[in-house]
């Protein structure tokens, strides 16, 4: 697989090892890991948001 990159004003070919070194984009990803991470974030927010809102309400009421 050969990709192209700009080198000055011309395109220069890159092979797969150069793409790996340069941080080339890979189409491989694990959807299960992404879903698990989103689930952890949503669970954290579900636990934290009510306390945060109550804290803002208490602080606002204290300033009145």
N, C-alpha and C. Protein backbone atom coordinates (compact mmCIF):
# COMPACT_ATOMS: atom_id res chain seq x y z
N UNK A 1 0.85 -1.18 0.00
CA UNK A 1 0.00 0.00 0.00
C UNK A 1 0.89 1.23 0.00
N UNK A 2 0.64 2.11 -0.90
CA UNK A 2 1.45 3.31 -0.97
C UNK A 2 0.54 4.53 -0.86
N UNK A 3 0.90 5.41 0.04
CA UNK A 3 0.18 6.66 0.23
C UNK A 3 1.05 7.78 -0.27
N UNK A 4 0.48 8.96 -0.38
CA UNK A 4 1.21 10.12 -0.86
C UNK A 4 1.26 11.19 0.23
N UNK A 5 2.33 11.94 0.29
CA UNK A 5 2.43 13.08 1.18
C UNK A 5 3.15 14.19 0.44
N UNK A 6 2.94 15.41 0.88
CA UNK A 6 3.60 16.53 0.27
C UNK A 6 5.04 16.63 0.77
N UNK A 7 5.95 16.79 -0.14
CA UNK A 7 7.36 17.03 0.18
C UNK A 7 7.76 18.26 -0.61
N UNK A 8 7.69 19.41 0.02
CA UNK A 8 7.90 20.65 -0.71
C UNK A 8 6.68 20.93 -1.55
N UNK A 9 6.83 20.92 -2.86
CA UNK A 9 5.71 21.19 -3.73
C UNK A 9 5.29 19.97 -4.55
N UNK A 10 5.88 18.79 -4.26
CA UNK A 10 5.54 17.57 -5.00
C UNK A 10 5.10 16.49 -4.02
N UNK A 11 4.40 15.50 -4.53
CA UNK A 11 3.98 14.36 -3.71
C UNK A 11 5.09 13.31 -3.70
N UNK A 12 5.30 12.73 -2.53
CA UNK A 12 6.32 11.71 -2.36
C UNK A 12 5.64 10.44 -1.88
N UNK A 13 5.98 9.30 -2.43
CA UNK A 13 5.35 8.04 -2.04
C UNK A 13 5.85 7.53 -0.71
N UNK A 14 4.96 6.91 0.07
CA UNK A 14 5.32 6.30 1.34
C UNK A 14 4.91 4.84 1.32
N UNK A 15 5.77 3.96 1.85
CA UNK A 15 5.36 2.56 1.96
C UNK A 15 4.78 2.32 3.36
N UNK A 16 4.35 1.09 3.63
CA UNK A 16 3.66 0.81 4.88
C UNK A 16 4.54 1.03 6.11
N UNK A 17 5.84 0.73 6.02
CA UNK A 17 6.71 0.94 7.18
C UNK A 17 6.88 2.43 7.47
N UNK A 18 6.94 3.26 6.45
CA UNK A 18 7.03 4.71 6.67
C UNK A 18 5.72 5.26 7.23
N UNK A 19 4.60 4.72 6.78
CA UNK A 19 3.32 5.14 7.34
C UNK A 19 3.24 4.79 8.82
N UNK A 20 3.76 3.62 9.19
CA UNK A 20 3.74 3.20 10.59
C UNK A 20 4.60 4.12 11.44
N UNK A 21 5.77 4.49 10.96
CA UNK A 21 6.67 5.37 11.70
C UNK A 21 6.08 6.77 11.82
N UNK A 22 5.45 7.25 10.76
CA UNK A 22 4.91 8.61 10.72
C UNK A 22 3.53 8.70 11.37
N UNK A 23 2.99 7.61 11.86
CA UNK A 23 1.66 7.65 12.46
C UNK A 23 0.56 7.67 11.43
N UNK A 24 0.70 6.90 10.39
CA UNK A 24 -0.32 6.83 9.35
C UNK A 24 -1.63 6.29 9.89
N UNK A 25 -2.69 6.58 9.22
CA UNK A 25 -4.02 6.19 9.66
C UNK A 25 -4.22 4.70 9.41
N UNK A 26 -4.76 4.03 10.38
CA UNK A 26 -5.07 2.61 10.25
C UNK A 26 -6.58 2.43 10.33
N UNK A 27 -7.11 1.56 9.52
CA UNK A 27 -8.55 1.33 9.50
C UNK A 27 -8.95 0.32 10.58
N UNK A 28 -8.00 -0.20 11.33
CA UNK A 28 -8.30 -1.19 12.34
C UNK A 28 -8.69 -0.50 13.65
N UNK A 29 -9.86 -0.81 14.14
CA UNK A 29 -10.28 -0.33 15.45
C UNK A 29 -11.24 -1.35 16.03
N UNK A 30 -11.35 -1.34 17.34
CA UNK A 30 -12.20 -2.30 18.01
C UNK A 30 -13.43 -1.57 18.52
N UNK A 31 -14.55 -1.80 17.90
CA UNK A 31 -15.80 -1.13 18.27
C UNK A 31 -16.23 -1.48 19.68
N UNK A 32 -15.94 -2.69 20.12
CA UNK A 32 -16.30 -3.10 21.47
C UNK A 32 -15.60 -2.25 22.52
N UNK A 33 -14.33 -1.93 22.30
CA UNK A 33 -13.59 -1.09 23.25
C UNK A 33 -14.14 0.33 23.27
N UNK A 34 -14.53 0.84 22.12
CA UNK A 34 -15.08 2.19 22.05
C UNK A 34 -16.42 2.25 22.79
N UNK A 35 -17.25 1.25 22.59
CA UNK A 35 -18.55 1.20 23.26
C UNK A 35 -18.36 1.07 24.77
N UNK A 36 -17.41 0.25 25.21
CA UNK A 36 -17.14 0.08 26.64
C UNK A 36 -16.66 1.39 27.25
N UNK A 37 -15.82 2.13 26.56
CA UNK A 37 -15.33 3.41 27.05
C UNK A 37 -16.47 4.42 27.16
N UNK A 38 -17.32 4.48 26.16
CA UNK A 38 -18.47 5.39 26.19
C UNK A 38 -19.40 5.01 27.34
N UNK A 39 -19.57 3.72 27.57
CA UNK A 39 -20.42 3.25 28.67
C UNK A 39 -19.86 3.70 30.03
N UNK A 40 -18.53 3.59 30.21
CA UNK A 40 -17.90 4.02 31.45
C UNK A 40 -18.08 5.52 31.67
N UNK A 41 -17.94 6.30 30.60
CA UNK A 41 -18.11 7.76 30.70
C UNK A 41 -19.55 8.09 31.07
N UNK A 42 -20.51 7.43 30.43
CA UNK A 42 -21.92 7.69 30.72
C UNK A 42 -22.26 7.30 32.16
N UNK A 43 -21.73 6.18 32.64
CA UNK A 43 -21.97 5.78 34.03
C UNK A 43 -21.38 6.79 35.00
N UNK A 44 -20.18 7.29 34.71
CA UNK A 44 -19.55 8.30 35.57
C UNK A 44 -20.40 9.56 35.61
N UNK A 45 -20.84 10.02 34.44
CA UNK A 45 -21.66 11.23 34.39
C UNK A 45 -22.99 11.02 35.11
N UNK A 46 -23.56 9.84 34.98
CA UNK A 46 -24.83 9.54 35.64
C UNK A 46 -24.68 9.62 37.16
N UNK A 47 -23.53 9.20 37.66
CA UNK A 47 -23.28 9.27 39.11
C UNK A 47 -22.90 10.68 39.56
N UNK A 48 -22.23 11.44 38.72
CA UNK A 48 -21.64 12.71 39.14
C UNK A 48 -22.54 13.92 38.91
N UNK A 49 -23.32 13.92 37.85
CA UNK A 49 -24.12 15.09 37.46
C UNK A 49 -25.12 15.51 38.55
N UNK A 50 -25.88 14.61 39.18
CA UNK A 50 -26.81 15.08 40.22
C UNK A 50 -26.11 15.81 41.38
N UNK A 51 -24.96 15.31 41.81
CA UNK A 51 -24.22 15.99 42.88
C UNK A 51 -23.73 17.36 42.41
N UNK A 52 -23.29 17.45 41.18
CA UNK A 52 -22.82 18.72 40.63
C UNK A 52 -23.95 19.73 40.57
N UNK A 53 -25.11 19.31 40.11
CA UNK A 53 -26.25 20.22 40.01
C UNK A 53 -26.69 20.68 41.40
N UNK A 54 -26.75 19.74 42.35
CA UNK A 54 -27.11 20.12 43.72
C UNK A 54 -26.09 21.09 44.31
N UNK A 55 -24.83 20.91 44.03
CA UNK A 55 -23.80 21.82 44.51
C UNK A 55 -23.98 23.22 43.95
N UNK A 56 -24.29 23.33 42.66
CA UNK A 56 -24.55 24.64 42.05
C UNK A 56 -25.78 25.30 42.67
N UNK A 57 -26.83 24.52 42.90
CA UNK A 57 -28.04 25.07 43.52
C UNK A 57 -27.74 25.57 44.92
N UNK A 58 -27.01 24.79 45.72
CA UNK A 58 -26.66 25.20 47.08
C UNK A 58 -25.80 26.46 47.08
N UNK A 59 -24.84 26.51 46.17
CA UNK A 59 -23.98 27.70 46.07
C UNK A 59 -24.76 28.93 45.64
N UNK A 60 -25.67 28.75 44.69
CA UNK A 60 -26.49 29.88 44.23
C UNK A 60 -27.40 30.39 45.36
N UNK A 61 -28.00 29.44 46.08
CA UNK A 61 -28.87 29.83 47.20
C UNK A 61 -28.10 30.50 48.33
N UNK A 62 -26.84 30.11 48.52
CA UNK A 62 -26.02 30.71 49.56
C UNK A 62 -25.67 32.16 49.22
N UNK A 63 -25.59 32.48 47.92
CA UNK A 63 -25.25 33.85 47.50
C UNK A 63 -26.43 34.80 47.59
N UNK A 64 -27.63 34.28 47.64
CA UNK A 64 -28.83 35.14 47.70
C UNK A 64 -28.94 35.87 48.99
